[in-house]
PDB file of N, CA and C in Angstrom:
ATOM      1  N   MET A   1      -1.302 -16.945  44.495  1.00  0.00           N
ATOM      2  CA  MET A   1      -0.066 -16.800  43.748  1.00  0.00           C
ATOM      3  C   MET A   1       1.150 -16.847  44.669  1.00  0.00           C
ATOM      4  N   THR A   2       0.992 -16.374  45.890  1.00  0.00           N
ATOM      5  CA  THR A   2       2.118 -16.340  46.819  1.00  0.00           C
ATOM      6  C   THR A   2       2.714 -17.724  47.013  1.00  0.00           C
ATOM      7  N   MET A   3       1.873 -18.732  47.115  1.00  0.00           N
ATOM      8  CA  MET A   3       2.367 -20.100  47.300  1.00  0.00           C
ATOM      9  C   MET A   3       3.249 -20.520  46.119  1.00  0.00           C
ATOM     10  N   TYR A   4       2.818 -20.202  44.915  1.00  0.00           N
ATOM     11  CA  TYR A   4       3.589 -20.590  43.733  1.00  0.00           C
ATOM     12  C   TYR A   4       4.927 -19.859  43.673  1.00  0.00           C
ATOM     13  N   TRP A   5       4.932 -18.588  44.051  1.00  0.00           N
ATOM     14  CA  TRP A   5       6.198 -17.857  44.075  1.00  0.00           C
ATOM     15  C   TRP A   5       7.148 -18.466  45.090  1.00  0.00           C
ATOM     16  N   ARG A   6       6.617 -18.865  46.277  1.00  0.00           N
ATOM     17  CA  ARG A   6       7.481 -19.473  47.292  1.00  0.00           C
ATOM     18  C   ARG A   6       8.106 -20.768  46.786  1.00  0.00           C
ATOM     19  N   LEU A   7       7.420 -21.472  45.906  1.00  0.00           N
ATOM     20  CA  LEU A   7       7.960 -22.703  45.336  1.00  0.00           C
ATOM     21  C   LEU A   7       8.984 -22.430  44.229  1.00  0.00           C
ATOM     22  N   SER A   8       8.999 -21.215  43.717  1.00  0.00           N
ATOM     23  CA  SER A   8       9.820 -20.878  42.551  1.00  0.00           C
ATOM     24  C   SER A   8      11.115 -20.150  42.882  1.00  0.00           C
ATOM     25  N   ILE A   9      11.226 -19.615  44.073  1.00  0.00           N
ATOM     26  CA  ILE A   9      12.405 -18.813  44.422  1.00  0.00           C
ATOM     27  C   ILE A   9      13.080 -19.401  45.657  1.00  0.00           C
ATOM     28  N   PRO A  10      14.357 -19.088  45.857  1.00  0.00           N
ATOM     29  CA  PRO A  10      15.061 -19.598  47.033  1.00  0.00           C
ATOM     30  C   PRO A  10      14.383 -19.163  48.341  1.00  0.00           C
ATOM     31  N   VAL A  11      14.453 -20.025  49.323  1.00  0.00           N
ATOM     32  CA  VAL A  11      13.850 -19.751  50.636  1.00  0.00           C
ATOM     33  C   VAL A  11      14.390 -18.434  51.185  1.00  0.00           C
ATOM     34  N   GLY A  12      13.480 -17.597  51.643  1.00  0.00           N
ATOM     35  CA  GLY A  12      13.853 -16.325  52.233  1.00  0.00           C
ATOM     36  C   GLY A  12      13.936 -15.175  51.253  1.00  0.00           C
ATOM     37  N   ASP A  13      13.920 -15.461  49.954  1.00  0.00           N
ATOM     38  CA  ASP A  13      13.965 -14.388  48.954  1.00  0.00           C
ATOM     39  C   ASP A  13      12.562 -13.886  48.636  1.00  0.00           C
ATOM     40  N   THR A  14      12.499 -12.792  47.909  1.00  0.00           N
ATOM     41  CA  THR A  14      11.221 -12.205  47.511  1.00  0.00           C
ATOM     42  C   THR A  14      11.069 -12.310  45.994  1.00  0.00           C
ATOM     43  N   THR A  15       9.969 -11.800  45.500  1.00  0.00           N
ATOM     44  CA  THR A  15       9.746 -11.829  44.050  1.00  0.00           C
ATOM     45  C   THR A  15      10.632 -10.817  43.320  1.00  0.00           C
ATOM     46  N   ASP A  16      11.490 -10.133  44.040  1.00  0.00           N
ATOM     47  CA  ASP A  16      12.510  -9.306  43.394  1.00  0.00           C
ATOM     48  C   ASP A  16      13.766 -10.109  43.078  1.00  0.00           C
ATOM     49  N   HIS A  17      13.747 -11.409  43.358  1.00  0.00           N
ATOM     50  CA  HIS A  17      14.889 -12.264  43.030  1.00  0.00           C
ATOM     51  C   HIS A  17      15.119 -12.220  41.519  1.00  0.00           C
ATOM     52  N   PRO A  18      16.371 -12.143  41.085  1.00  0.00           N
ATOM     53  CA  PRO A  18      16.670 -12.033  39.642  1.00  0.00           C
ATOM     54  C   PRO A  18      16.096 -13.159  38.785  1.00  0.00           C
ATOM     55  N   LEU A  19      15.883 -14.337  39.367  1.00  0.00           N
ATOM     56  CA  LEU A  19      15.319 -15.437  38.583  1.00  0.00           C
ATOM     57  C   LEU A  19      13.890 -15.169  38.129  1.00  0.00           C
ATOM     58  N   VAL A  20      13.160 -14.372  38.904  1.00  0.00           N
ATOM     59  CA  VAL A  20      11.763 -14.110  38.552  1.00  0.00           C
ATOM     60  C   VAL A  20      11.488 -12.646  38.226  1.00  0.00           C
ATOM     61  N   ASN A  21      12.453 -11.788  38.479  1.00  0.00           N
ATOM     62  CA  ASN A  21      12.272 -10.364  38.185  1.00  0.00           C
ATOM     63  C   ASN A  21      13.571  -9.768  37.652  1.00  0.00           C
ATOM     64  N   PRO A  22      13.792  -9.886  36.348  1.00  0.00           N
ATOM     65  CA  PRO A  22      15.036  -9.363  35.782  1.00  0.00           C
ATOM     66  C   PRO A  22      15.155  -7.842  35.858  1.00  0.00           C
ATOM     67  N   PHE A  23      14.086  -7.164  36.261  1.00  0.00           N
ATOM     68  CA  PHE A  23      14.103  -5.704  36.366  1.00  0.00           C
ATOM     69  C   PHE A  23      14.121  -5.245  37.823  1.00  0.00           C
ATOM     70  N   GLY A  24      14.261  -6.186  38.737  1.00  0.00           N
ATOM     71  CA  GLY A  24      14.235  -5.872  40.162  1.00  0.00           C
ATOM     72  C   GLY A  24      15.469  -5.129  40.633  1.00  0.00           C
ATOM     73  N   PRO A  25      15.420  -4.617  41.858  1.00  0.00           N
ATOM     74  CA  PRO A  25      16.508  -3.792  42.390  1.00  0.00           C
ATOM     75  C   PRO A  25      17.824  -4.534  42.589  1.00  0.00           C
ATOM     76  N   ILE A  26      17.781  -5.868  42.681  1.00  0.00           N
ATOM     77  CA  ILE A  26      19.039  -6.607  42.863  1.00  0.00           C
ATOM     78  C   ILE A  26      19.460  -7.348  41.592  1.00  0.00           C
ATOM     79  N   SER A  27      18.716  -7.151  40.517  1.00  0.00           N
ATOM     80  CA  SER A  27      19.042  -7.810  39.245  1.00  0.00           C
ATOM     81  C   SER A  27      20.087  -7.018  38.484  1.00  0.00           C
ATOM     82  N   LYS A  28      20.985  -7.748  37.821  1.00  0.00           N
ATOM     83  CA  LYS A  28      21.937  -7.101  36.921  1.00  0.00           C
ATOM     84  C   LYS A  28      21.198  -6.701  35.653  1.00  0.00           C
ATOM     85  N   SER A  29      21.532  -5.560  35.118  1.00  0.00           N
ATOM     86  CA  SER A  29      20.870  -5.083  33.910  1.00  0.00           C
ATOM     87  C   SER A  29      21.233  -5.957  32.712  1.00  0.00           C
ATOM     88  N   LEU A  30      20.242  -6.272  31.933  1.00  0.00           N
ATOM     89  CA  LEU A  30      20.449  -7.030  30.696  1.00  0.00           C
ATOM     90  C   LEU A  30      20.517  -6.103  29.485  1.00  0.00           C
ATOM     91  N   GLU A  31      20.492  -4.815  29.742  1.00  0.00           N
ATOM     92  CA  GLU A  31      20.435  -3.848  28.647  1.00  0.00           C
ATOM     93  C   GLU A  31      21.599  -4.010  27.675  1.00  0.00           C
ATOM     94  N   ALA A  32      22.784  -4.276  28.181  1.00  0.00           N
ATOM     95  CA  ALA A  32      23.965  -4.382  27.316  1.00  0.00           C
ATOM     96  C   ALA A  32      24.147  -5.785  26.727  1.00  0.00           C
ATOM     97  N   VAL A  33      23.333  -6.735  27.167  1.00  0.00           N
ATOM     98  CA  VAL A  33      23.468  -8.113  26.696  1.00  0.00           C
ATOM     99  C   VAL A  33      22.838  -8.239  25.314  1.00  0.00           C
ATOM    100  N   ASP A  34      23.572  -8.864  24.398  1.00  0.00           N
ATOM    101  CA  ASP A  34      23.070  -9.072  23.042  1.00  0.00           C
ATOM    102  C   ASP A  34      22.189 -10.320  23.034  1.00  0.00           C
ATOM    103  N   LEU A  35      20.893 -10.129  23.055  1.00  0.00           N
ATOM    104  CA  LEU A  35      19.951 -11.247  23.084  1.00  0.00           C
ATOM    105  C   LEU A  35      19.375 -11.503  21.700  1.00  0.00           C
ATOM    106  N   ASP A  36      19.149 -12.778  21.399  1.00  0.00           N
ATOM    107  CA  ASP A  36      18.433 -13.132  20.184  1.00  0.00           C
ATOM    108  C   ASP A  36      16.997 -12.632  20.301  1.00  0.00           C
ATOM    109  N   PRO A  37      16.273 -12.546  19.192  1.00  0.00           N
ATOM    110  CA  PRO A  37      14.862 -12.164  19.265  1.00  0.00           C
ATOM    111  C   PRO A  37      14.101 -13.089  20.220  1.00  0.00           C
ATOM    112  N   ILE A  38      13.114 -12.529  20.895  1.00  0.00           N
ATOM    113  CA  ILE A  38      12.359 -13.257  21.907  1.00  0.00           C
ATOM    114  C   ILE A  38      10.878 -13.196  21.575  1.00  0.00           C
ATOM    115  N   LEU A  39      10.224 -14.356  21.618  1.00  0.00           N
ATOM    116  CA  LEU A  39       8.779 -14.447  21.451  1.00  0.00           C
ATOM    117  C   LEU A  39       8.169 -14.595  22.839  1.00  0.00           C
ATOM    118  N   VAL A  40       7.303 -13.656  23.215  1.00  0.00           N
ATOM    119  CA  VAL A  40       6.624 -13.694  24.509  1.00  0.00           C
ATOM    120  C   VAL A  40       5.146 -13.944  24.240  1.00  0.00           C
ATOM    121  N   VAL A  41       4.618 -15.018  24.837  1.00  0.00           N
ATOM    122  CA  VAL A  41       3.231 -15.427  24.615  1.00  0.00           C
ATOM    123  C   VAL A  41       2.507 -15.461  25.955  1.00  0.00           C
ATOM    124  N   VAL A  42       1.286 -14.951  25.982  1.00  0.00           N
ATOM    125  CA  VAL A  42       0.498 -14.961  27.218  1.00  0.00           C
ATOM    126  C   VAL A  42      -0.982 -15.108  26.885  1.00  0.00           C
ATOM    127  N   GLY A  43      -1.692 -15.787  27.764  1.00  0.00           N
ATOM    128  CA  GLY A  43      -3.145 -15.867  27.653  1.00  0.00           C
ATOM    129  C   GLY A  43      -3.773 -14.632  28.275  1.00  0.00           C
ATOM    130  N   GLY A  44      -4.836 -14.139  27.683  1.00  0.00           N
ATOM    131  CA  GLY A  44      -5.500 -12.945  28.183  1.00  0.00           C
ATOM    132  C   GLY A  44      -6.055 -13.101  29.586  1.00  0.00           C
ATOM    133  N   ASN A  45      -6.329 -14.343  30.009  1.00  0.00           N
ATOM    134  CA  ASN A  45      -6.838 -14.607  31.345  1.00  0.00           C
ATOM    135  C   ASN A  45      -5.773 -15.206  32.263  1.00  0.00           C
ATOM    136  N   ASP A  46      -4.538 -15.172  31.832  1.00  0.00           N
ATOM    137  CA  ASP A  46      -3.441 -15.714  32.636  1.00  0.00           C
ATOM    138  C   ASP A  46      -3.267 -14.878  33.899  1.00  0.00           C
ATOM    139  N   LEU A  47      -3.112 -15.536  35.045  1.00  0.00           N
ATOM    140  CA  LEU A  47      -2.890 -14.817  36.301  1.00  0.00           C
ATOM    141  C   LEU A  47      -1.603 -14.002  36.264  1.00  0.00           C
ATOM    142  N   LEU A  48      -0.672 -14.389  35.414  1.00  0.00           N
ATOM    143  CA  LEU A  48       0.613 -13.693  35.309  1.00  0.00           C
ATOM    144  C   LEU A  48       0.656 -12.692  34.161  1.00  0.00           C
ATOM    145  N   LYS A  49      -0.481 -12.435  33.543  1.00  0.00           N
ATOM    146  CA  LYS A  49      -0.513 -11.590  32.343  1.00  0.00           C
ATOM    147  C   LYS A  49       0.169 -10.235  32.543  1.00  0.00           C
ATOM    148  N   ASP A  50      -0.159  -9.544  33.620  1.00  0.00           N
ATOM    149  CA  ASP A  50       0.440  -8.224  33.850  1.00  0.00           C
ATOM    150  C   ASP A  50       1.954  -8.322  33.980  1.00  0.00           C
ATOM    151  N   ARG A  51       2.414  -9.344  34.668  1.00  0.00           N
ATOM    152  CA  ARG A  51       3.850  -9.537  34.862  1.00  0.00           C
ATOM    153  C   ARG A  51       4.542  -9.861  33.529  1.00  0.00           C
ATOM    154  N   VAL A  52       3.900 -10.715  32.725  1.00  0.00           N
ATOM    155  CA  VAL A  52       4.453 -11.080  31.417  1.00  0.00           C
ATOM    156  C   VAL A  52       4.503  -9.857  30.503  1.00  0.00           C
ATOM    157  N   GLU A  53       3.442  -9.075  30.518  1.00  0.00           N
ATOM    158  CA  GLU A  53       3.394  -7.863  29.697  1.00  0.00           C
ATOM    159  C   GLU A  53       4.488  -6.865  30.124  1.00  0.00           C
ATOM    160  N   ASP A  54       4.666  -6.707  31.433  1.00  0.00           N
ATOM    161  CA  ASP A  54       5.727  -5.825  31.945  1.00  0.00           C
ATOM    162  C   ASP A  54       7.112  -6.334  31.536  1.00  0.00           C
ATOM    163  N   TYR A  55       7.292  -7.648  31.557  1.00  0.00           N
ATOM    164  CA  TYR A  55       8.552  -8.260  31.142  1.00  0.00           C
ATOM    165  C   TYR A  55       8.853  -7.919  29.681  1.00  0.00           C
ATOM    166  N   ALA A  56       7.863  -8.121  28.819  1.00  0.00           N
ATOM    167  CA  ALA A  56       8.052  -7.829  27.390  1.00  0.00           C
ATOM    168  C   ALA A  56       8.324  -6.343  27.169  1.00  0.00           C
ATOM    169  N   LYS A  57       7.575  -5.479  27.853  1.00  0.00           N
ATOM    170  CA  LYS A  57       7.782  -4.034  27.708  1.00  0.00           C
ATOM    171  C   LYS A  57       9.158  -3.624  28.221  1.00  0.00           C
ATOM    172  N   GLY A  58       9.582  -4.212  29.329  1.00  0.00           N
ATOM    173  CA  GLY A  58      10.896  -3.888  29.878  1.00  0.00           C
ATOM    174  C   GLY A  58      12.023  -4.251  28.922  1.00  0.00           C
ATOM    175  N   LEU A  59      11.931  -5.437  28.333  1.00  0.00           N
ATOM    176  CA  LEU A  59      12.952  -5.846  27.365  1.00  0.00           C
ATOM    177  C   LEU A  59      12.911  -4.945  26.129  1.00  0.00           C
ATOM    178  N   LYS A  60      11.723  -4.613  25.682  1.00  0.00           N
ATOM    179  CA  LYS A  60      11.585  -3.726  24.511  1.00  0.00           C
ATOM    180  C   LYS A  60      12.178  -2.352  24.816  1.00  0.00           C
ATOM    181  N   ASN A  61      11.966  -1.847  26.038  1.00  0.00           N
ATOM    182  CA  ASN A  61      12.538  -0.557  26.434  1.00  0.00           C
ATOM    183  C   ASN A  61      14.066  -0.593  26.443  1.00  0.00           C
ATOM    184  N   TRP A  62      14.627  -1.769  26.621  1.00  0.00           N
ATOM    185  CA  TRP A  62      16.083  -1.929  26.561  1.00  0.00           C
ATOM    186  C   TRP A  62      16.556  -2.101  25.114  1.00  0.00           C
ATOM    187  N   GLY A  63      15.624  -2.049  24.173  1.00  0.00           N
ATOM    188  CA  GLY A  63      15.993  -2.162  22.768  1.00  0.00           C
ATOM    189  C   GLY A  63      16.062  -3.587  22.252  1.00  0.00           C
ATOM    190  N   LYS A  64      15.510  -4.524  22.996  1.00  0.00           N
ATOM    191  CA  LYS A  64      15.533  -5.927  22.560  1.00  0.00           C
ATOM    192  C   LYS A  64      14.438  -6.165  21.534  1.00  0.00           C
ATOM    193  N   ASN A  65      14.689  -7.126  20.666  1.00  0.00           N
ATOM    194  CA  ASN A  65      13.750  -7.491  19.605  1.00  0.00           C
ATOM    195  C   ASN A  65      12.716  -8.453  20.186  1.00  0.00           C
ATOM    196  N   ILE A  66      11.515  -7.933  20.471  1.00  0.00           N
ATOM    197  CA  ILE A  66      10.473  -8.695  21.148  1.00  0.00           C
ATOM    198  C   ILE A  66       9.234  -8.788  20.272  1.00  0.00           C
ATOM    199  N   ASP A  67       8.705 -10.004  20.145  1.00  0.00           N
ATOM    200  CA  ASP A  67       7.377 -10.214  19.572  1.00  0.00           C
ATOM    201  C   ASP A  67       6.473 -10.616  20.732  1.00  0.00           C
ATOM    202  N   TYR A  68       5.431  -9.834  20.983  1.00  0.00           N
ATOM    203  CA  TYR A  68       4.500 -10.091  22.077  1.00  0.00           C
ATOM    204  C   TYR A  68       3.161 -10.506  21.486  1.00  0.00           C
ATOM    205  N   VAL A  69       2.664 -11.670  21.902  1.00  0.00           N
ATOM    206  CA  VAL A  69       1.393 -12.169  21.384  1.00  0.00           C
ATOM    207  C   VAL A  69       0.501 -12.547  22.564  1.00  0.00           C
ATOM    208  N   GLU A  70      -0.703 -11.990  22.568  1.00  0.00           N
ATOM    209  CA  GLU A  70      -1.670 -12.280  23.627  1.00  0.00           C
ATOM    210  C   GLU A  70      -2.864 -13.007  23.030  1.00  0.00           C
ATOM    211  N   TYR A  71      -3.302 -14.069  23.706  1.00  0.00           N
ATOM    212  CA  TYR A  71      -4.459 -14.843  23.266  1.00  0.00           C
ATOM    213  C   TYR A  71      -5.622 -14.575  24.204  1.00  0.00           C
ATOM    214  N   GLU A  72      -6.535 -13.725  23.742  1.00  0.00           N
ATOM    215  CA  GLU A  72      -7.695 -13.326  24.548  1.00  0.00           C
ATOM    216  C   GLU A  72      -8.486 -14.550  25.010  1.00  0.00           C
ATOM    217  N   GLY A  73      -8.905 -14.493  26.256  1.00  0.00           N
ATOM    218  CA  GLY A  73      -9.750 -15.545  26.804  1.00  0.00           C
ATOM    219  C   GLY A  73      -9.013 -16.802  27.208  1.00  0.00           C
ATOM    220  N   GLN A  74      -7.700 -16.841  27.034  1.00  0.00           N
ATOM    221  CA  GLN A  74      -6.941 -18.054  27.338  1.00  0.00           C
ATOM    222  C   GLN A  74      -6.246 -17.940  28.692  1.00  0.00           C
ATOM    223  N   GLN A  75      -6.063 -19.079  29.321  1.00  0.00           N
ATOM    224  CA  GLN A  75      -5.419 -19.127  30.621  1.00  0.00           C
ATOM    225  C   GLN A  75      -3.953 -19.536  30.489  1.00  0.00           C
ATOM    226  N   HIS A  76      -3.252 -19.535  31.600  1.00  0.00           N
ATOM    227  CA  HIS A  76      -1.845 -19.925  31.633  1.00  0.00           C
ATOM    228  C   HIS A  76      -1.707 -21.359  31.092  1.00  0.00           C
ATOM    229  N   GLY A  77      -0.800 -21.548  30.159  1.00  0.00           N
ATOM    230  CA  GLY A  77      -0.549 -22.871  29.603  1.00  0.00           C
ATOM    231  C   GLY A  77      -1.646 -23.395  28.702  1.00  0.00           C
ATOM    232  N   PHE A  78      -2.442 -22.508  28.135  1.00  0.00           N
ATOM    233  CA  PHE A  78      -3.577 -22.921  27.304  1.00  0.00           C
ATOM    234  C   PHE A  78      -3.174 -23.875  26.195  1.00  0.00           C
ATOM    235  N   PHE A  79      -1.983 -23.752  25.673  1.00  0.00           N
ATOM    236  CA  PHE A  79      -1.528 -24.564  24.544  1.00  0.00           C
ATOM    237  C   PHE A  79      -1.173 -25.981  24.968  1.00  0.00           C
ATOM    238  N   PHE A  80      -1.018 -26.227  26.274  1.00  0.00           N
ATOM    239  CA  PHE A  80      -0.802 -27.588  26.779  1.00  0.00           C
ATOM    240  C   PHE A  80      -2.100 -28.210  27.272  1.00  0.00           C
ATOM    241  N   ILE A  81      -3.033 -27.391  27.678  1.00  0.00           N
ATOM    242  CA  ILE A  81      -4.289 -27.885  28.238  1.00  0.00           C
ATOM    243  C   ILE A  81      -5.135 -28.534  27.149  1.00  0.00           C
ATOM    244  N   ASP A  82      -5.188 -27.906  25.983  1.00  0.00           N
ATOM    245  CA  ASP A  82      -5.930 -28.456  24.846  1.00  0.00           C
ATOM    246  C   ASP A  82      -5.052 -28.296  23.609  1.00  0.00           C
ATOM    247  N   LEU A  83      -4.230 -29.315  23.365  1.00  0.00           N
ATOM    248  CA  LEU A  83      -3.227 -29.254  22.299  1.00  0.00           C
ATOM    249  C   LEU A  83      -3.802 -29.007  20.911  1.00  0.00           C
ATOM    250  N   TYR A  84      -5.048 -29.383  20.696  1.00  0.00           N
ATOM    251  CA  TYR A  84      -5.633 -29.296  19.364  1.00  0.00           C
ATOM    252  C   TYR A  84      -6.675 -28.191  19.242  1.00  0.00           C
ATOM    253  N   SER A  85      -6.681 -27.290  20.204  1.00  0.00           N
ATOM    254  CA  SER A  85      -7.631 -26.172  20.149  1.00  0.00           C
ATOM    255  C   SER A  85      -7.199 -25.173  19.082  1.00  0.00           C
ATOM    256  N   GLU A  86      -8.129 -24.327  18.688  1.00  0.00           N
ATOM    257  CA  GLU A  86      -7.826 -23.291  17.700  1.00  0.00           C
ATOM    258  C   GLU A  86      -6.713 -22.350  18.187  1.00  0.00           C
ATOM    259  N   PRO A  87      -6.758 -21.871  19.452  1.00  0.00           N
ATOM    260  CA  PRO A  87      -5.672 -21.004  19.922  1.00  0.00           C
ATOM    261  C   PRO A  87      -4.304 -21.711  19.923  1.00  0.00           C
ATOM    262  N   ALA A  88      -4.287 -22.979  20.306  1.00  0.00           N
ATOM    263  CA  ALA A  88      -3.018 -23.720  20.303  1.00  0.00           C
ATOM    264  C   ALA A  88      -2.491 -23.882  18.879  1.00  0.00           C
ATOM    265  N   ASN A  89      -3.373 -24.162  17.940  1.00  0.00           N
ATOM    266  CA  ASN A  89      -2.964 -24.280  16.542  1.00  0.00           C
ATOM    267  C   ASN A  89      -2.456 -22.947  15.999  1.00  0.00           C
ATOM    268  N   LYS A  90      -3.129 -21.860  16.363  1.00  0.00           N
ATOM    269  CA  LYS A  90      -2.668 -20.533  15.933  1.00  0.00           C
ATOM    270  C   LYS A  90      -1.297 -20.223  16.518  1.00  0.00           C
ATOM    271  N   LEU A  91      -1.082 -20.619  17.772  1.00  0.00           N
ATOM    272  CA  LEU A  91       0.219 -20.387  18.399  1.00  0.00           C
ATOM    273  C   LEU A  91       1.321 -21.139  17.659  1.00  0.00           C
ATOM    274  N   MET A  92       1.053 -22.362  17.243  1.00  0.00           N
ATOM    275  CA  MET A  92       2.060 -23.124  16.499  1.00  0.00           C
ATOM    276  C   MET A  92       2.450 -22.393  15.213  1.00  0.00           C
ATOM    277  N   LEU A  93       1.483 -21.779  14.565  1.00  0.00           N
ATOM    278  CA  LEU A  93       1.771 -21.002  13.356  1.00  0.00           C
ATOM    279  C   LEU A  93       2.587 -19.750  13.689  1.00  0.00           C
ATOM    280  N   VAL A  94       2.274 -19.115  14.818  1.00  0.00           N
ATOM    281  CA  VAL A  94       3.031 -17.936  15.254  1.00  0.00           C
ATOM    282  C   VAL A  94       4.477 -18.326  15.544  1.00  0.00           C
ATOM    283  N   ILE A  95       4.675 -19.456  16.227  1.00  0.00           N
ATOM    284  CA  ILE A  95       6.033 -19.923  16.530  1.00  0.00           C
ATOM    285  C   ILE A  95       6.790 -20.238  15.242  1.00  0.00           C
ATOM    286  N   LYS A  96       6.118 -20.914  14.319  1.00  0.00           N
ATOM    287  CA  LYS A  96       6.736 -21.241  13.029  1.00  0.00           C
ATOM    288  C   LYS A  96       7.165 -19.963  12.298  1.00  0.00           C
ATOM    289  N   GLN A  97       6.270 -18.990  12.247  1.00  0.00           N
ATOM    290  CA  GLN A  97       6.567 -17.727  11.566  1.00  0.00           C
ATOM    291  C   GLN A  97       7.704 -16.985  12.270  1.00  0.00           C
ATOM    292  N   PHE A  98       7.701 -16.993  13.595  1.00  0.00           N
ATOM    293  CA  PHE A  98       8.757 -16.338  14.368  1.00  0.00           C
ATOM    294  C   PHE A  98      10.121 -16.952  14.034  1.00  0.00           C
ATOM    295  N   ILE A  99      10.175 -18.260  14.002  1.00  0.00           N
ATOM    296  CA  ILE A  99      11.439 -18.955  13.688  1.00  0.00           C
ATOM    297  C   ILE A  99      11.869 -18.642  12.263  1.00  0.00           C
ATOM    298  N   GLU A 100      10.942 -18.690  11.333  1.00  0.00           N
ATOM    299  CA  GLU A 100      11.270 -18.382   9.938  1.00  0.00           C
ATOM    300  C   GLU A 100      11.759 -16.939   9.787  1.00  0.00           C
ATOM    301  N   ASN A 101      11.120 -16.005  10.486  1.00  0.00           N
ATOM    302  CA  ASN A 101      11.489 -14.599  10.384  1.00  0.00           C
ATOM    303  C   ASN A 101      12.847 -14.280  10.996  1.00  0.00           C
ATOM    304  N   HIS A 102      13.176 -14.964  12.077  1.00  0.00           N
ATOM    305  CA  HIS A 102      14.362 -14.576  12.833  1.00  0.00           C
ATOM    306  C   HIS A 102      15.529 -15.546  12.756  1.00  0.00           C
ATOM    307  N   PHE A 103      15.266 -16.800  12.372  1.00  0.00           N
ATOM    308  CA  PHE A 103      16.340 -17.785  12.457  1.00  0.00           C
ATOM    309  C   PHE A 103      16.479 -18.655  11.213  1.00  0.00           C
ATOM    310  N   SER A 104      15.814 -18.288  10.130  1.00  0.00           N
ATOM    311  CA  SER A 104      15.864 -19.119   8.939  1.00  0.00           C
ATOM    312  C   SER A 104      17.253 -19.156   8.303  1.00  0.00           C
ATOM    313  N   GLY A 105      18.047 -18.119   8.510  1.00  0.00           N
ATOM    314  CA  GLY A 105      19.382 -18.082   7.907  1.00  0.00           C
ATOM    315  C   GLY A 105      20.475 -18.644   8.811  1.00  0.00           C
ATOM    316  N   VAL A 106      20.072 -19.163   9.969  1.00  0.00           N
ATOM    317  CA  VAL A 106      21.073 -19.661  10.942  1.00  0.00           C
ATOM    318  C   VAL A 106      21.529 -21.031  10.570  1.00  0.00           C
TER     319      VAL A 106
END
């Protein structure tokens, strides 16, 4: 994972960089920011699962409207790996429902 983080953040920075850790010690708080509802999706076998779960919990603790959905047994990007799989199809329905629930009147 370290290699992937080095590719994702500016040279010399750590994973506490605000781009990858909005709750880090150098990140500005998003608590006062008015955010639209957020859908957070993760595979149960995703290497980033713990980080994604912490992200969703952190936003929820700030009072943000979060829908968190976990797909057991799935890996990172499962919905792109097999576009027509049952989990990918279920995710499309979850996204559709999320949009209808939160943005149908927009």
